[in-house]
N, C-alpha and C. Protein backbone atom coordinates (compact mmCIF):
# COMPACT_ATOMS: atom_id res chain seq x y z
N MET A 1 -38.25 -7.05 48.83
CA MET A 1 -38.42 -7.33 47.37
C MET A 1 -39.92 -7.27 47.00
N SER A 2 -40.16 -6.58 45.85
CA SER A 2 -41.55 -6.42 45.41
C SER A 2 -42.11 -7.75 44.89
N ASN A 3 -43.46 -7.78 44.74
CA ASN A 3 -44.08 -8.97 44.22
C ASN A 3 -43.65 -9.24 42.75
N LYS A 4 -43.47 -8.15 42.00
CA LYS A 4 -43.06 -8.32 40.60
C LYS A 4 -41.71 -8.92 40.50
N ASP A 5 -40.73 -8.48 41.32
CA ASP A 5 -39.39 -9.01 41.27
C ASP A 5 -39.39 -10.45 41.79
N SER A 6 -40.23 -10.78 42.73
CA SER A 6 -40.37 -12.17 43.23
C SER A 6 -40.83 -13.09 42.08
N ILE A 7 -41.80 -12.60 41.33
CA ILE A 7 -42.26 -13.42 40.16
C ILE A 7 -41.14 -13.57 39.14
N PHE A 8 -40.45 -12.52 38.87
CA PHE A 8 -39.32 -12.61 37.93
C PHE A 8 -38.23 -13.64 38.39
N ASP A 9 -37.85 -13.53 39.64
CA ASP A 9 -36.78 -14.37 40.16
C ASP A 9 -37.24 -15.86 40.09
N LEU A 10 -38.47 -16.11 40.40
CA LEU A 10 -39.00 -17.47 40.33
C LEU A 10 -38.99 -17.98 38.93
N ILE A 11 -39.41 -17.13 37.94
CA ILE A 11 -39.31 -17.60 36.53
C ILE A 11 -37.84 -17.83 36.08
N ASN A 12 -36.97 -16.95 36.51
CA ASN A 12 -35.56 -17.05 36.17
C ASN A 12 -34.92 -18.30 36.67
N SER A 13 -35.39 -18.81 37.85
CA SER A 13 -34.79 -19.95 38.53
C SER A 13 -35.04 -21.22 37.75
N PHE A 14 -35.99 -21.22 36.81
CA PHE A 14 -36.31 -22.44 36.02
C PHE A 14 -35.48 -22.50 34.76
N GLY A 15 -34.69 -21.49 34.47
CA GLY A 15 -33.75 -21.53 33.36
C GLY A 15 -34.44 -21.66 32.07
N SER A 16 -33.76 -22.42 31.15
CA SER A 16 -34.31 -22.57 29.79
C SER A 16 -35.49 -23.56 29.74
N VAL A 17 -35.73 -24.26 30.82
CA VAL A 17 -36.85 -25.16 30.85
C VAL A 17 -38.21 -24.41 30.92
N GLY A 18 -38.13 -23.26 31.57
CA GLY A 18 -39.32 -22.44 31.72
C GLY A 18 -40.31 -23.05 32.76
N ILE A 19 -41.34 -22.33 33.01
CA ILE A 19 -42.33 -22.81 34.00
C ILE A 19 -43.74 -22.53 33.49
N LYS A 20 -44.66 -23.51 33.67
CA LYS A 20 -46.03 -23.32 33.21
C LYS A 20 -46.63 -22.12 33.92
N LYS A 21 -47.39 -21.36 33.15
CA LYS A 21 -48.03 -20.18 33.75
C LYS A 21 -48.96 -20.54 34.92
N THR A 22 -49.64 -21.69 34.76
CA THR A 22 -50.56 -22.11 35.81
C THR A 22 -49.82 -22.50 37.08
N ASP A 23 -48.66 -23.21 36.91
CA ASP A 23 -47.84 -23.59 38.07
C ASP A 23 -47.28 -22.35 38.73
N LEU A 24 -46.83 -21.33 37.88
CA LEU A 24 -46.28 -20.13 38.44
C LEU A 24 -47.31 -19.39 39.29
N LYS A 25 -48.53 -19.33 38.77
CA LYS A 25 -49.61 -18.61 39.49
C LYS A 25 -49.84 -19.32 40.82
N LYS A 26 -49.84 -20.64 40.88
CA LYS A 26 -50.04 -21.36 42.16
C LYS A 26 -48.95 -21.07 43.12
N LYS A 27 -47.68 -21.03 42.64
CA LYS A 27 -46.51 -20.81 43.54
C LYS A 27 -46.51 -19.35 44.08
N CYS A 28 -47.00 -18.40 43.25
CA CYS A 28 -46.93 -16.99 43.68
C CYS A 28 -48.10 -16.61 44.56
N ASP A 29 -49.36 -17.10 44.24
CA ASP A 29 -50.54 -16.83 45.06
C ASP A 29 -50.69 -15.34 45.31
N ILE A 30 -50.64 -14.54 44.28
CA ILE A 30 -50.77 -13.05 44.41
C ILE A 30 -52.02 -12.65 43.65
N ASP A 31 -52.80 -11.75 44.26
CA ASP A 31 -54.08 -11.32 43.62
C ASP A 31 -53.79 -10.64 42.27
N SER A 32 -52.80 -9.80 42.19
CA SER A 32 -52.47 -8.98 40.99
C SER A 32 -51.52 -9.77 40.04
N PHE A 33 -51.46 -11.09 40.16
CA PHE A 33 -50.51 -11.88 39.41
C PHE A 33 -50.51 -11.55 37.88
N ASP A 34 -51.69 -11.63 37.25
CA ASP A 34 -51.74 -11.42 35.80
C ASP A 34 -51.25 -9.99 35.42
N ALA A 35 -51.62 -9.02 36.20
CA ALA A 35 -51.18 -7.67 35.89
C ALA A 35 -49.68 -7.51 36.02
N LEU A 36 -49.09 -8.12 37.06
CA LEU A 36 -47.65 -8.05 37.24
C LEU A 36 -46.90 -8.81 36.15
N LEU A 37 -47.50 -9.96 35.73
CA LEU A 37 -46.84 -10.73 34.68
C LEU A 37 -46.84 -9.96 33.34
N ASN A 38 -47.96 -9.31 33.10
CA ASN A 38 -48.04 -8.43 31.90
C ASN A 38 -46.99 -7.27 31.94
N GLU A 39 -46.84 -6.74 33.12
CA GLU A 39 -45.85 -5.67 33.22
C GLU A 39 -44.42 -6.19 32.93
N LEU A 40 -44.10 -7.37 33.44
CA LEU A 40 -42.81 -7.94 33.17
C LEU A 40 -42.57 -8.25 31.66
N ALA A 41 -43.66 -8.66 31.04
CA ALA A 41 -43.56 -8.91 29.60
C ALA A 41 -43.39 -7.63 28.85
N GLN A 42 -44.13 -6.57 29.20
CA GLN A 42 -44.00 -5.27 28.58
C GLN A 42 -42.65 -4.62 28.75
N GLU A 43 -42.02 -4.94 29.95
CA GLU A 43 -40.66 -4.42 30.21
C GLU A 43 -39.61 -5.25 29.52
N ASN A 44 -40.02 -6.32 28.77
CA ASN A 44 -39.13 -7.12 28.01
C ASN A 44 -38.16 -7.93 28.96
N ARG A 45 -38.63 -8.18 30.15
CA ARG A 45 -37.84 -9.01 31.12
C ARG A 45 -38.16 -10.50 30.97
N ILE A 46 -39.41 -10.81 30.59
CA ILE A 46 -39.82 -12.19 30.46
C ILE A 46 -40.56 -12.38 29.08
N LEU A 47 -40.71 -13.64 28.68
CA LEU A 47 -41.50 -14.00 27.53
C LEU A 47 -42.52 -15.04 27.94
N VAL A 48 -43.77 -14.89 27.45
CA VAL A 48 -44.81 -15.88 27.68
C VAL A 48 -45.14 -16.47 26.33
N SER A 49 -44.97 -17.76 26.22
CA SER A 49 -45.26 -18.42 24.91
C SER A 49 -45.69 -19.82 25.10
N LYS A 50 -46.33 -20.38 24.09
CA LYS A 50 -46.80 -21.76 24.18
C LYS A 50 -45.73 -22.79 23.90
N LYS A 51 -45.75 -23.83 24.74
CA LYS A 51 -44.92 -25.02 24.47
C LYS A 51 -45.95 -26.11 24.24
N GLY A 52 -46.21 -26.42 22.97
CA GLY A 52 -47.35 -27.30 22.63
C GLY A 52 -48.59 -26.47 22.76
N THR A 53 -49.48 -26.84 23.75
CA THR A 53 -50.75 -26.08 23.91
C THR A 53 -50.74 -25.36 25.21
N ILE A 54 -49.63 -25.41 25.98
CA ILE A 54 -49.59 -24.88 27.32
C ILE A 54 -48.73 -23.62 27.31
N LEU A 55 -49.20 -22.56 28.06
CA LEU A 55 -48.41 -21.34 28.19
C LEU A 55 -47.30 -21.55 29.20
N TYR A 56 -46.10 -21.12 28.77
CA TYR A 56 -44.96 -21.21 29.71
C TYR A 56 -44.33 -19.84 29.82
N CYS A 57 -43.58 -19.61 30.86
CA CYS A 57 -42.90 -18.36 31.09
C CYS A 57 -41.40 -18.57 31.23
N TRP A 58 -40.66 -17.69 30.53
CA TRP A 58 -39.17 -17.71 30.62
C TRP A 58 -38.65 -16.33 30.86
N SER A 59 -37.54 -16.19 31.50
CA SER A 59 -36.89 -14.91 31.52
C SER A 59 -36.25 -14.72 30.07
N LYS A 60 -36.00 -13.45 29.71
CA LYS A 60 -35.58 -13.18 28.33
C LYS A 60 -34.32 -13.88 28.01
N GLU A 61 -33.33 -13.96 28.89
CA GLU A 61 -32.05 -14.60 28.60
C GLU A 61 -32.17 -16.09 28.36
N PHE A 62 -33.01 -16.73 29.12
CA PHE A 62 -33.19 -18.18 29.03
C PHE A 62 -34.08 -18.59 27.86
N TYR A 63 -34.96 -17.73 27.44
CA TYR A 63 -35.87 -18.04 26.32
C TYR A 63 -35.03 -18.25 25.04
N PHE A 64 -34.00 -17.54 24.89
CA PHE A 64 -33.11 -17.65 23.69
C PHE A 64 -32.50 -19.05 23.68
N ASP A 65 -32.00 -19.51 24.86
CA ASP A 65 -31.45 -20.86 24.98
C ASP A 65 -32.50 -21.89 24.66
N TYR A 66 -33.68 -21.69 25.18
CA TYR A 66 -34.75 -22.63 24.88
C TYR A 66 -35.00 -22.76 23.39
N LEU A 67 -35.06 -21.66 22.67
CA LEU A 67 -35.34 -21.71 21.21
C LEU A 67 -34.20 -22.44 20.47
N ILE A 68 -32.99 -22.21 20.84
CA ILE A 68 -31.84 -22.88 20.15
C ILE A 68 -31.92 -24.42 20.41
N ASN A 69 -32.29 -24.78 21.61
CA ASN A 69 -32.27 -26.23 21.96
C ASN A 69 -33.56 -26.96 21.46
N SER A 70 -34.62 -26.22 21.21
CA SER A 70 -35.88 -26.88 20.89
C SER A 70 -36.39 -26.64 19.43
N ASP A 71 -35.92 -25.57 18.76
CA ASP A 71 -36.39 -25.28 17.44
C ASP A 71 -35.24 -25.34 16.45
N LEU A 72 -35.24 -26.43 15.63
CA LEU A 72 -34.15 -26.58 14.70
C LEU A 72 -34.07 -25.48 13.67
N LYS A 73 -35.22 -24.96 13.22
CA LYS A 73 -35.18 -23.87 12.26
C LYS A 73 -34.55 -22.64 12.79
N PHE A 74 -34.91 -22.31 14.08
CA PHE A 74 -34.32 -21.18 14.80
C PHE A 74 -32.81 -21.38 14.93
N LYS A 75 -32.45 -22.62 15.32
CA LYS A 75 -31.00 -22.89 15.54
C LYS A 75 -30.23 -22.73 14.24
N TYR A 76 -30.81 -23.22 13.15
CA TYR A 76 -30.12 -23.13 11.84
C TYR A 76 -29.99 -21.64 11.42
N LEU A 77 -31.08 -20.87 11.61
CA LEU A 77 -31.06 -19.43 11.28
C LEU A 77 -30.02 -18.69 12.12
N TYR A 78 -30.00 -18.98 13.45
CA TYR A 78 -29.03 -18.30 14.30
C TYR A 78 -27.60 -18.63 13.91
N GLU A 79 -27.31 -19.92 13.63
CA GLU A 79 -25.98 -20.33 13.19
C GLU A 79 -25.61 -19.63 11.86
N SER A 80 -26.54 -19.50 10.96
CA SER A 80 -26.29 -18.90 9.65
C SER A 80 -25.95 -17.40 9.86
N ILE A 81 -26.73 -16.72 10.71
CA ILE A 81 -26.48 -15.30 10.97
C ILE A 81 -25.12 -15.14 11.66
N SER A 82 -24.83 -16.06 12.58
CA SER A 82 -23.51 -15.97 13.28
C SER A 82 -22.34 -16.15 12.33
N ASN A 83 -22.48 -17.09 11.39
CA ASN A 83 -21.41 -17.32 10.39
C ASN A 83 -21.23 -16.09 9.52
N ILE A 84 -22.35 -15.47 9.08
CA ILE A 84 -22.28 -14.27 8.32
C ILE A 84 -21.57 -13.14 9.10
N GLN A 85 -21.97 -12.99 10.39
CA GLN A 85 -21.37 -11.99 11.19
C GLN A 85 -19.85 -12.22 11.38
N ASN A 86 -19.45 -13.47 11.55
CA ASN A 86 -18.01 -13.76 11.65
C ASN A 86 -17.29 -13.44 10.35
N LYS A 87 -17.87 -13.72 9.23
CA LYS A 87 -17.26 -13.39 7.99
C LYS A 87 -17.12 -11.85 7.81
N ILE A 88 -18.18 -11.14 8.23
CA ILE A 88 -18.07 -9.66 8.15
C ILE A 88 -16.98 -9.17 9.05
N ASN A 89 -16.83 -9.73 10.25
CA ASN A 89 -15.76 -9.36 11.15
C ASN A 89 -14.40 -9.61 10.58
N ASP A 90 -14.30 -10.87 9.93
CA ASP A 90 -13.00 -11.19 9.27
C ASP A 90 -12.66 -10.20 8.16
N TYR A 91 -13.69 -9.90 7.35
CA TYR A 91 -13.45 -8.99 6.25
C TYR A 91 -13.06 -7.63 6.77
N SER A 92 -13.74 -7.19 7.89
CA SER A 92 -13.47 -5.90 8.46
C SER A 92 -12.01 -5.85 8.94
N ASP A 93 -11.55 -6.91 9.63
CA ASP A 93 -10.20 -7.00 10.07
C ASP A 93 -9.21 -6.94 8.94
N SER A 94 -9.52 -7.65 7.82
CA SER A 94 -8.65 -7.69 6.65
C SER A 94 -8.59 -6.28 6.03
N ILE A 95 -9.74 -5.63 5.92
CA ILE A 95 -9.72 -4.26 5.30
C ILE A 95 -8.92 -3.34 6.19
N PHE A 96 -9.14 -3.43 7.50
CA PHE A 96 -8.39 -2.52 8.41
C PHE A 96 -6.89 -2.78 8.31
N LYS A 97 -6.45 -4.07 8.26
CA LYS A 97 -5.03 -4.34 8.14
C LYS A 97 -4.48 -3.83 6.77
N TYR A 98 -5.31 -3.99 5.74
CA TYR A 98 -4.88 -3.47 4.44
C TYR A 98 -4.70 -1.99 4.47
N LEU A 99 -5.68 -1.27 5.03
CA LEU A 99 -5.59 0.21 5.08
C LEU A 99 -4.37 0.64 5.99
N GLU A 100 -4.23 -0.11 7.09
CA GLU A 100 -3.10 0.18 7.94
C GLU A 100 -1.78 -0.01 7.18
N ASN A 101 -1.64 -1.11 6.43
CA ASN A 101 -0.45 -1.37 5.65
C ASN A 101 -0.28 -0.29 4.60
N LEU A 102 -1.37 0.04 3.99
CA LEU A 102 -1.35 1.12 2.90
C LEU A 102 -0.88 2.42 3.47
N ASP A 103 -1.35 2.70 4.65
CA ASP A 103 -0.95 3.98 5.33
C ASP A 103 0.56 4.00 5.62
N CYS A 104 1.10 2.83 6.03
CA CYS A 104 2.51 2.68 6.29
C CYS A 104 3.33 2.88 4.98
N GLN A 105 2.80 2.34 3.94
CA GLN A 105 3.52 2.44 2.63
C GLN A 105 3.46 3.90 2.20
N VAL A 106 2.36 4.63 2.37
CA VAL A 106 2.31 6.01 1.99
C VAL A 106 3.31 6.84 2.82
N VAL A 107 3.42 6.54 4.09
CA VAL A 107 4.40 7.22 4.98
C VAL A 107 5.80 6.95 4.51
N GLU A 108 6.09 5.69 4.20
CA GLU A 108 7.43 5.28 3.72
C GLU A 108 7.77 6.02 2.41
N LEU A 109 6.79 6.04 1.49
CA LEU A 109 7.07 6.71 0.19
C LEU A 109 7.21 8.18 0.40
N LYS A 110 6.47 8.80 1.31
CA LYS A 110 6.63 10.24 1.57
C LYS A 110 8.03 10.49 2.16
N ASN A 111 8.47 9.61 3.09
CA ASN A 111 9.79 9.77 3.67
C ASN A 111 10.89 9.65 2.60
N SER A 112 10.70 8.64 1.74
CA SER A 112 11.71 8.43 0.66
C SER A 112 11.74 9.62 -0.29
N PHE A 113 10.56 10.19 -0.62
CA PHE A 113 10.46 11.32 -1.47
C PHE A 113 11.16 12.51 -0.83
N ASN A 114 10.95 12.70 0.47
CA ASN A 114 11.59 13.83 1.21
C ASN A 114 13.10 13.71 1.20
N LYS A 115 13.61 12.42 1.32
CA LYS A 115 15.03 12.21 1.29
C LYS A 115 15.62 12.60 -0.06
N ILE A 116 14.89 12.21 -1.17
CA ILE A 116 15.34 12.54 -2.52
C ILE A 116 15.41 14.06 -2.72
N ILE A 117 14.41 14.74 -2.21
CA ILE A 117 14.36 16.19 -2.32
C ILE A 117 15.54 16.80 -1.53
N ASP A 118 15.76 16.23 -0.29
CA ASP A 118 16.88 16.71 0.48
C ASP A 118 18.20 16.55 -0.19
N LYS A 119 18.36 15.39 -0.87
CA LYS A 119 19.59 15.13 -1.58
C LYS A 119 19.77 16.10 -2.76
N ILE A 120 18.68 16.39 -3.42
CA ILE A 120 18.75 17.36 -4.54
C ILE A 120 19.15 18.77 -4.05
N ASN A 121 18.51 19.18 -2.96
CA ASN A 121 18.77 20.47 -2.40
C ASN A 121 20.14 20.62 -1.73
N ASP A 122 20.60 19.53 -1.09
CA ASP A 122 21.90 19.53 -0.44
C ASP A 122 22.62 18.19 -0.59
N PRO A 123 23.44 18.04 -1.60
CA PRO A 123 24.16 16.75 -1.83
C PRO A 123 24.95 16.25 -0.69
N ASN A 124 25.38 17.14 0.21
CA ASN A 124 26.24 16.71 1.29
C ASN A 124 25.43 16.27 2.52
N LEU A 125 24.07 16.45 2.47
CA LEU A 125 23.26 16.15 3.59
C LEU A 125 23.30 14.65 3.96
N GLU A 126 23.29 13.77 2.94
CA GLU A 126 23.22 12.30 3.22
C GLU A 126 24.48 11.89 3.93
N SER A 127 25.64 12.30 3.43
CA SER A 127 26.91 11.92 4.10
C SER A 127 26.97 12.48 5.52
N GLN A 128 26.42 13.63 5.73
CA GLN A 128 26.41 14.22 7.08
C GLN A 128 25.51 13.37 7.98
N ARG A 129 24.37 12.93 7.46
CA ARG A 129 23.44 12.05 8.27
C ARG A 129 24.18 10.77 8.64
N ASN A 130 24.85 10.19 7.68
CA ASN A 130 25.52 8.94 7.96
C ASN A 130 26.62 9.12 9.03
N ARG A 131 27.33 10.23 8.97
CA ARG A 131 28.33 10.47 9.99
C ARG A 131 27.73 10.63 11.36
N GLU A 132 26.58 11.32 11.40
CA GLU A 132 25.88 11.46 12.70
C GLU A 132 25.34 10.13 13.16
N LEU A 133 24.80 9.34 12.26
CA LEU A 133 24.16 8.03 12.62
C LEU A 133 25.21 7.04 13.11
N PHE A 134 26.32 7.03 12.51
CA PHE A 134 27.35 5.99 12.81
C PHE A 134 28.55 6.62 13.53
N SER A 135 28.32 7.63 14.35
CA SER A 135 29.41 8.32 15.00
C SER A 135 30.10 7.51 16.08
N ASN A 136 29.35 6.59 16.70
CA ASN A 136 29.93 5.82 17.83
C ASN A 136 30.59 4.52 17.35
N THR A 137 30.01 3.90 16.34
CA THR A 137 30.50 2.54 15.85
C THR A 137 30.67 2.68 14.33
N SER A 138 31.89 2.29 13.90
CA SER A 138 32.10 2.37 12.43
C SER A 138 31.26 1.33 11.72
N LEU A 139 30.87 1.65 10.52
CA LEU A 139 30.03 0.79 9.74
C LEU A 139 30.77 -0.51 9.37
N ASP A 140 32.08 -0.33 9.13
CA ASP A 140 32.87 -1.54 8.80
C ASP A 140 32.95 -2.52 9.95
N ASP A 141 33.12 -1.98 11.20
CA ASP A 141 33.13 -2.86 12.39
C ASP A 141 31.79 -3.60 12.58
N PHE A 142 30.73 -2.82 12.39
CA PHE A 142 29.42 -3.41 12.53
C PHE A 142 29.19 -4.49 11.48
N ARG A 143 29.57 -4.18 10.25
CA ARG A 143 29.35 -5.14 9.16
C ARG A 143 30.12 -6.46 9.47
N GLU A 144 31.32 -6.38 9.90
CA GLU A 144 32.11 -7.57 10.22
C GLU A 144 31.50 -8.37 11.33
N SER A 145 31.06 -7.70 12.40
CA SER A 145 30.41 -8.41 13.50
C SER A 145 29.09 -9.00 13.03
N PHE A 146 28.37 -8.24 12.27
CA PHE A 146 27.07 -8.72 11.75
C PHE A 146 27.24 -10.01 10.88
N ASP A 147 28.25 -9.96 10.03
CA ASP A 147 28.48 -11.16 9.19
C ASP A 147 28.90 -12.35 10.04
N ASN A 148 29.69 -12.12 11.05
CA ASN A 148 30.13 -13.27 11.90
C ASN A 148 28.96 -13.87 12.65
N VAL A 149 28.08 -13.09 13.21
CA VAL A 149 26.90 -13.57 13.95
C VAL A 149 25.97 -14.26 12.94
N LEU A 150 25.77 -13.64 11.78
CA LEU A 150 24.82 -14.19 10.80
C LEU A 150 25.35 -15.55 10.36
N LEU A 151 26.66 -15.67 10.08
CA LEU A 151 27.21 -16.96 9.67
C LEU A 151 27.03 -18.03 10.80
N GLY A 152 27.25 -17.64 12.05
CA GLY A 152 27.11 -18.58 13.15
C GLY A 152 25.69 -19.06 13.42
N LYS A 153 24.70 -18.24 13.02
CA LYS A 153 23.35 -18.51 13.31
C LYS A 153 22.60 -19.13 12.10
N SER A 154 23.23 -19.10 10.93
CA SER A 154 22.57 -19.54 9.72
C SER A 154 22.19 -20.99 9.76
N SER A 155 20.98 -21.24 9.34
CA SER A 155 20.48 -22.64 9.26
C SER A 155 20.74 -23.17 7.87
N SER A 156 20.21 -24.37 7.55
CA SER A 156 20.48 -24.99 6.27
C SER A 156 19.91 -24.10 5.13
N ILE A 157 18.82 -23.40 5.40
CA ILE A 157 18.23 -22.53 4.36
C ILE A 157 18.82 -21.13 4.43
N GLY A 158 19.62 -20.83 5.45
CA GLY A 158 20.30 -19.56 5.51
C GLY A 158 19.59 -18.41 6.19
N TRP A 159 18.29 -18.49 6.41
CA TRP A 159 17.55 -17.38 6.98
C TRP A 159 17.79 -17.27 8.47
N VAL A 160 17.97 -16.04 8.95
CA VAL A 160 18.22 -15.81 10.37
C VAL A 160 17.30 -14.65 10.83
N GLU A 161 16.68 -14.78 11.97
CA GLU A 161 15.84 -13.71 12.49
C GLU A 161 16.69 -12.54 12.93
N LEU A 162 16.39 -11.37 12.42
CA LEU A 162 17.24 -10.21 12.78
C LEU A 162 17.24 -9.88 14.26
N SER A 163 16.10 -10.16 14.92
CA SER A 163 16.06 -9.88 16.38
C SER A 163 17.09 -10.69 17.15
N SER A 164 17.42 -11.89 16.69
CA SER A 164 18.44 -12.69 17.42
C SER A 164 19.82 -12.14 17.21
N ILE A 165 20.08 -11.53 16.07
CA ILE A 165 21.37 -10.89 15.84
C ILE A 165 21.43 -9.62 16.58
N LYS A 166 20.35 -8.93 16.66
CA LYS A 166 20.26 -7.64 17.38
C LYS A 166 20.61 -7.79 18.84
N ASN A 167 20.15 -8.86 19.45
CA ASN A 167 20.41 -9.09 20.89
C ASN A 167 21.87 -9.12 21.20
N GLU A 168 22.66 -9.73 20.34
CA GLU A 168 24.11 -9.83 20.55
C GLU A 168 24.83 -8.52 20.22
N LEU A 169 24.53 -7.88 19.10
CA LEU A 169 25.24 -6.71 18.62
C LEU A 169 24.90 -5.48 19.45
N CYS A 170 23.63 -5.41 19.92
CA CYS A 170 23.25 -4.24 20.73
C CYS A 170 24.03 -4.27 22.08
N THR A 171 24.25 -5.48 22.58
CA THR A 171 25.11 -5.57 23.81
C THR A 171 26.54 -5.25 23.52
N THR A 172 27.05 -5.74 22.41
CA THR A 172 28.44 -5.56 22.07
C THR A 172 28.80 -4.04 21.85
N TYR A 173 27.94 -3.38 21.08
CA TYR A 173 28.18 -2.01 20.71
C TYR A 173 27.33 -0.97 21.48
N ASP A 174 26.56 -1.42 22.44
CA ASP A 174 25.70 -0.55 23.23
C ASP A 174 24.83 0.27 22.29
N LEU A 175 24.07 -0.46 21.46
CA LEU A 175 23.17 0.21 20.48
C LEU A 175 21.72 0.09 20.94
N SER A 176 20.93 1.05 20.55
CA SER A 176 19.47 0.93 20.75
C SER A 176 18.94 0.06 19.58
N ASP A 177 17.66 -0.36 19.72
CA ASP A 177 17.04 -1.14 18.66
C ASP A 177 17.04 -0.32 17.33
N ASN A 178 16.69 0.91 17.47
CA ASN A 178 16.58 1.78 16.26
C ASN A 178 17.92 1.92 15.57
N GLU A 179 18.99 2.09 16.39
CA GLU A 179 20.34 2.24 15.81
C GLU A 179 20.72 0.95 15.10
N PHE A 180 20.42 -0.20 15.72
CA PHE A 180 20.78 -1.46 15.10
C PHE A 180 20.12 -1.61 13.73
N TYR A 181 18.84 -1.35 13.63
CA TYR A 181 18.17 -1.51 12.35
C TYR A 181 18.59 -0.46 11.33
N ASN A 182 19.02 0.71 11.80
CA ASN A 182 19.55 1.70 10.85
C ASN A 182 20.86 1.18 10.25
N TYR A 183 21.71 0.54 11.06
CA TYR A 183 22.97 -0.07 10.57
C TYR A 183 22.63 -1.13 9.55
N VAL A 184 21.69 -2.03 9.92
CA VAL A 184 21.34 -3.14 9.02
C VAL A 184 20.80 -2.60 7.71
N SER A 185 19.91 -1.65 7.75
CA SER A 185 19.38 -1.03 6.56
C SER A 185 20.44 -0.48 5.68
N THR A 186 21.44 0.13 6.29
CA THR A 186 22.48 0.79 5.48
C THR A 186 23.36 -0.27 4.80
N ILE A 187 23.79 -1.31 5.53
CA ILE A 187 24.64 -2.31 4.87
C ILE A 187 23.94 -3.14 3.83
N VAL A 188 22.64 -3.36 4.03
CA VAL A 188 21.88 -4.13 3.02
C VAL A 188 21.68 -3.25 1.80
N GLU A 189 21.41 -1.98 1.95
CA GLU A 189 21.18 -1.10 0.85
C GLU A 189 22.50 -0.91 0.01
N SER A 190 23.56 -0.87 0.77
CA SER A 190 24.89 -0.63 0.08
C SER A 190 25.42 -1.89 -0.53
N SER A 191 24.99 -3.06 -0.12
CA SER A 191 25.47 -4.34 -0.67
C SER A 191 24.31 -5.30 -0.96
N PRO A 192 23.44 -4.92 -1.89
CA PRO A 192 22.29 -5.75 -2.19
C PRO A 192 22.67 -7.14 -2.84
N GLU A 193 23.85 -7.24 -3.33
CA GLU A 193 24.35 -8.46 -3.88
C GLU A 193 24.84 -9.46 -2.83
N LYS A 194 24.92 -9.00 -1.58
CA LYS A 194 25.39 -9.88 -0.53
C LYS A 194 24.34 -10.28 0.45
N TYR A 195 23.31 -9.49 0.60
CA TYR A 195 22.26 -9.64 1.66
C TYR A 195 20.90 -9.72 0.99
N GLU A 196 20.00 -10.50 1.62
CA GLU A 196 18.61 -10.58 1.18
C GLU A 196 17.71 -10.57 2.42
N LEU A 197 16.74 -9.63 2.38
CA LEU A 197 15.78 -9.55 3.50
C LEU A 197 14.45 -10.26 3.15
N SER A 198 13.80 -10.78 4.14
CA SER A 198 12.51 -11.42 3.95
C SER A 198 11.50 -10.85 4.93
N SER A 199 10.30 -10.64 4.43
CA SER A 199 9.22 -10.10 5.35
C SER A 199 8.83 -11.12 6.38
N GLY A 200 8.29 -10.61 7.49
CA GLY A 200 7.84 -11.45 8.61
C GLY A 200 8.49 -11.04 9.88
N GLY A 201 8.04 -11.66 10.97
CA GLY A 201 8.62 -11.34 12.29
C GLY A 201 7.86 -10.14 12.89
N TYR A 202 8.14 -9.89 14.19
CA TYR A 202 7.52 -8.82 14.88
C TYR A 202 8.28 -7.50 14.79
N GLU A 203 9.54 -7.60 14.40
CA GLU A 203 10.37 -6.35 14.26
C GLU A 203 11.38 -6.59 13.16
N GLY A 204 11.95 -5.53 12.69
CA GLY A 204 12.96 -5.65 11.63
C GLY A 204 13.10 -4.32 10.87
N VAL A 205 13.63 -4.48 9.64
CA VAL A 205 13.78 -3.33 8.78
C VAL A 205 12.47 -3.09 8.02
N VAL A 206 11.90 -1.88 8.05
CA VAL A 206 10.66 -1.57 7.37
C VAL A 206 10.92 -1.08 5.98
N LEU A 207 10.47 -1.87 5.00
CA LEU A 207 10.57 -1.52 3.61
C LEU A 207 9.17 -1.43 2.99
N ARG A 208 8.87 -0.27 2.42
CA ARG A 208 7.58 -0.06 1.81
C ARG A 208 6.42 -0.43 2.72
N GLY A 209 6.65 -0.01 4.01
CA GLY A 209 5.58 -0.25 4.98
C GLY A 209 5.48 -1.66 5.53
N ILE A 210 6.33 -2.58 5.15
CA ILE A 210 6.29 -3.95 5.55
C ILE A 210 7.49 -4.32 6.42
N VAL A 211 7.33 -4.99 7.52
CA VAL A 211 8.39 -5.40 8.39
C VAL A 211 9.15 -6.62 7.77
N HIS A 212 10.45 -6.44 7.61
CA HIS A 212 11.33 -7.52 7.07
C HIS A 212 12.19 -7.98 8.26
N GLY A 213 11.84 -9.11 8.89
CA GLY A 213 12.48 -9.53 10.09
C GLY A 213 13.48 -10.63 9.90
N PHE A 214 13.80 -11.07 8.66
CA PHE A 214 14.71 -12.14 8.43
C PHE A 214 15.75 -11.74 7.40
N VAL A 215 16.98 -12.23 7.51
CA VAL A 215 18.06 -11.91 6.62
C VAL A 215 18.87 -13.16 6.31
N ARG A 216 19.57 -13.15 5.15
CA ARG A 216 20.54 -14.22 4.83
C ARG A 216 21.58 -13.65 3.88
N ARG A 217 22.75 -14.33 3.91
CA ARG A 217 23.80 -13.98 2.96
C ARG A 217 23.48 -14.68 1.65
N ILE A 218 23.64 -13.99 0.53
CA ILE A 218 23.44 -14.59 -0.79
C ILE A 218 24.67 -15.28 -1.25
């Protein structure tokens, strides 16, 4: 280990307390002590500053701790900057989520627009899609089972998490998650007077870019 690294390790071992420059020089007993100390300072590995009227040495990492614990103005300034940074991060997250949600809504609107165009160009296309979508399980059978599970799980306020219904019906009818939510979307759209969806949850029917994970009978 070089003499310069030995000086640095010794300074670092004193942590945020630091060590007097005079005491450090006595412990090191190196002819080129001042030159090596200046090199460490120029390399930004240590800081040499006064504590009162006496010069002390700290490693860069521990000097920051020393300032926070000993200088109230510095501590207040640091906390203020940290609070501002946290607010900026929160705003950035909110903006990102808003843009992400907006992007989902644009995609949803684009898909809806394309469906409308498809209907105009081919009026039989929608019924063909429904036949393909529900080829394995009839919509009436699914609706009946869906209503029975929904009724059994309904609480006093009526709301039921769609994912809990999905777990039962996917097993009963051997459906994928996507198939289940396609069924739910179809029966809700066809009978808006009977069903009501609510946003929330980790999965569900996506409407206008927002996940609707709860349902109830009206």
